[in-house]
Each structure stands twice: as C-alpha cells, then as structure tokens.
C-alpha cells in the first residue's frame, strides 16, 4: 500500500516536472506568477475604447 502511494506521488511530481519543462520550452518562462494577460500594462489601451 505504501509503495503504491509513493509510486503515485513520484508519478505526479514527474508529470508536474514534465509540464514545467514543456512550458519553459514553448514560452521561455516558467508558469509561475501572474499570467501575462492579467498584467495591468495594457489597461490604458482599453480606456480608449468607447462603449
């Protein structure tokens, strides 16, 4: 039982590591922090749009 739980935990950590590596390979950064689309840098751009 304990070995099955340990193997599952190692599998989960391995998948997480593979996900981080793939994200880094595709986007050049780790998937940590605030997402690029949620940054407030382009907030003024939306203020110019009239409703």
N, C-alpha and C. Protein backbone atom coordinates (compact mmCIF):
# COMPACT_ATOMS: atom_id res chain seq x y z
N UNK A 1 0.82 -1.20 0.00
CA UNK A 1 0.00 0.00 0.00
C UNK A 1 0.87 1.26 0.00
N UNK A 2 1.85 1.30 0.88
CA UNK A 2 2.70 2.48 0.96
C UNK A 2 3.54 2.66 -0.30
N UNK A 3 3.97 1.55 -0.88
CA UNK A 3 4.78 1.66 -2.09
C UNK A 3 3.94 2.16 -3.26
N UNK A 4 2.66 1.78 -3.30
CA UNK A 4 1.76 2.26 -4.35
C UNK A 4 1.53 3.76 -4.21
N UNK A 5 1.36 4.20 -2.98
CA UNK A 5 1.16 5.63 -2.73
C UNK A 5 2.42 6.42 -3.09
N UNK A 6 3.57 5.87 -2.74
CA UNK A 6 4.83 6.55 -3.03
C UNK A 6 5.05 6.61 -4.55
N UNK A 7 4.75 5.52 -5.25
CA UNK A 7 4.92 5.49 -6.70
C UNK A 7 3.98 6.49 -7.37
N UNK A 8 2.75 6.60 -6.87
CA UNK A 8 1.80 7.57 -7.41
C UNK A 8 2.25 9.00 -7.18
N UNK A 9 2.81 9.24 -5.99
CA UNK A 9 3.31 10.58 -5.68
C UNK A 9 4.49 10.94 -6.57
N UNK A 10 5.39 9.98 -6.79
CA UNK A 10 6.52 10.22 -7.70
C UNK A 10 6.03 10.45 -9.12
N UNK A 11 5.00 9.74 -9.52
CA UNK A 11 4.43 9.94 -10.85
C UNK A 11 3.84 11.32 -11.01
N UNK A 12 3.14 11.79 -9.98
CA UNK A 12 2.54 13.13 -10.01
C UNK A 12 3.61 14.22 -10.07
N UNK A 13 4.65 14.06 -9.27
CA UNK A 13 5.75 15.03 -9.28
C UNK A 13 6.46 15.00 -10.63
N UNK A 14 6.60 13.82 -11.21
CA UNK A 14 7.23 13.70 -12.52
C UNK A 14 6.42 14.39 -13.60
N UNK A 15 5.09 14.21 -13.57
CA UNK A 15 4.24 14.89 -14.56
C UNK A 15 4.30 16.40 -14.40
N UNK A 16 4.37 16.86 -13.17
CA UNK A 16 4.49 18.30 -12.92
C UNK A 16 5.81 18.83 -13.48
N UNK A 17 6.89 18.07 -13.28
CA UNK A 17 8.19 18.49 -13.81
C UNK A 17 8.18 18.51 -15.33
N UNK A 18 7.55 17.53 -15.95
CA UNK A 18 7.45 17.50 -17.41
C UNK A 18 6.63 18.69 -17.90
N UNK A 19 5.55 19.02 -17.20
CA UNK A 19 4.74 20.17 -17.57
C UNK A 19 5.52 21.47 -17.50
N UNK A 20 6.32 21.63 -16.44
CA UNK A 20 7.15 22.83 -16.31
C UNK A 20 8.17 22.89 -17.44
N UNK A 21 8.77 21.75 -17.77
CA UNK A 21 9.78 21.72 -18.83
C UNK A 21 9.17 22.04 -20.19
N UNK A 22 8.00 21.51 -20.47
CA UNK A 22 7.34 21.79 -21.75
C UNK A 22 6.94 23.26 -21.83
N UNK A 23 6.41 23.80 -20.75
CA UNK A 23 6.03 25.22 -20.75
C UNK A 23 7.25 26.10 -20.96
N UNK A 24 8.37 25.74 -20.32
CA UNK A 24 9.59 26.52 -20.49
C UNK A 24 10.10 26.43 -21.92
N UNK A 25 10.00 25.24 -22.51
CA UNK A 25 10.47 25.07 -23.89
C UNK A 25 9.61 25.85 -24.86
N UNK A 26 8.31 25.91 -24.63
CA UNK A 26 7.42 26.60 -25.56
C UNK A 26 7.41 28.12 -25.37
N UNK A 27 7.42 28.59 -24.12
CA UNK A 27 7.22 30.01 -23.86
C UNK A 27 8.44 30.72 -23.31
N UNK A 28 9.48 30.00 -22.92
CA UNK A 28 10.70 30.63 -22.44
C UNK A 28 10.61 31.14 -21.02
N UNK A 29 9.61 30.72 -20.27
CA UNK A 29 9.50 31.12 -18.87
C UNK A 29 8.75 30.03 -18.12
N UNK A 30 8.94 30.02 -16.82
CA UNK A 30 8.24 29.06 -16.00
C UNK A 30 6.82 29.55 -15.72
N UNK A 31 5.88 28.62 -15.58
CA UNK A 31 4.47 29.03 -15.37
C UNK A 31 4.19 29.41 -13.92
N UNK A 32 4.92 30.38 -13.42
CA UNK A 32 4.74 30.85 -12.05
C UNK A 32 4.48 32.34 -12.07
N UNK A 33 3.73 32.83 -11.13
CA UNK A 33 3.46 34.26 -11.05
C UNK A 33 2.17 34.63 -11.75
N UNK A 34 2.01 35.92 -11.98
CA UNK A 34 0.80 36.44 -12.60
C UNK A 34 0.85 36.22 -14.12
N UNK A 35 -0.21 35.69 -14.72
CA UNK A 35 -0.21 35.47 -16.17
C UNK A 35 -0.05 36.77 -16.95
N UNK A 36 0.55 36.67 -18.12
CA UNK A 36 0.82 37.85 -18.94
C UNK A 36 -0.48 38.59 -19.31
N UNK A 37 -1.54 37.87 -19.57
CA UNK A 37 -2.78 38.50 -20.00
C UNK A 37 -3.47 39.25 -18.87
N UNK A 38 -3.10 38.98 -17.62
CA UNK A 38 -3.73 39.67 -16.49
C UNK A 38 -2.92 40.85 -15.99
N UNK A 39 -1.78 41.11 -16.59
CA UNK A 39 -0.97 42.25 -16.15
C UNK A 39 -1.68 43.55 -16.51
N UNK A 40 -1.43 44.58 -15.73
CA UNK A 40 -2.11 45.86 -15.90
C UNK A 40 -1.38 46.79 -16.87
N UNK A 41 -0.41 46.30 -17.60
CA UNK A 41 0.37 47.14 -18.51
C UNK A 41 -0.49 47.76 -19.61
N UNK A 42 -1.43 47.01 -20.14
CA UNK A 42 -2.22 47.49 -21.26
C UNK A 42 -3.62 47.95 -20.83
N UNK A 43 -3.78 48.33 -19.58
CA UNK A 43 -5.09 48.78 -19.09
C UNK A 43 -5.49 50.10 -19.76
N UNK A 44 -4.51 50.97 -20.03
CA UNK A 44 -4.83 52.25 -20.67
C UNK A 44 -5.31 52.04 -22.09
N UNK A 45 -4.92 50.97 -22.71
CA UNK A 45 -5.34 50.67 -24.07
C UNK A 45 -6.87 50.46 -24.12
N UNK A 46 -7.42 49.86 -23.09
CA UNK A 46 -8.85 49.59 -23.06
C UNK A 46 -9.65 50.84 -22.66
N UNK A 47 -9.00 51.80 -22.02
CA UNK A 47 -9.71 53.03 -21.64
C UNK A 47 -10.09 53.85 -22.87
N UNK A 48 -9.34 53.70 -23.96
CA UNK A 48 -9.59 54.48 -25.16
C UNK A 48 -10.78 53.96 -25.95
N UNK A 49 -11.18 52.74 -25.71
CA UNK A 49 -12.29 52.14 -26.45
C UNK A 49 -13.60 52.69 -25.91
N UNK A 50 -14.43 53.23 -26.82
CA UNK A 50 -15.71 53.78 -26.38
C UNK A 50 -16.77 52.70 -26.42
N UNK A 51 -17.65 52.75 -25.44
CA UNK A 51 -18.72 51.73 -25.36
C UNK A 51 -19.89 52.07 -26.25
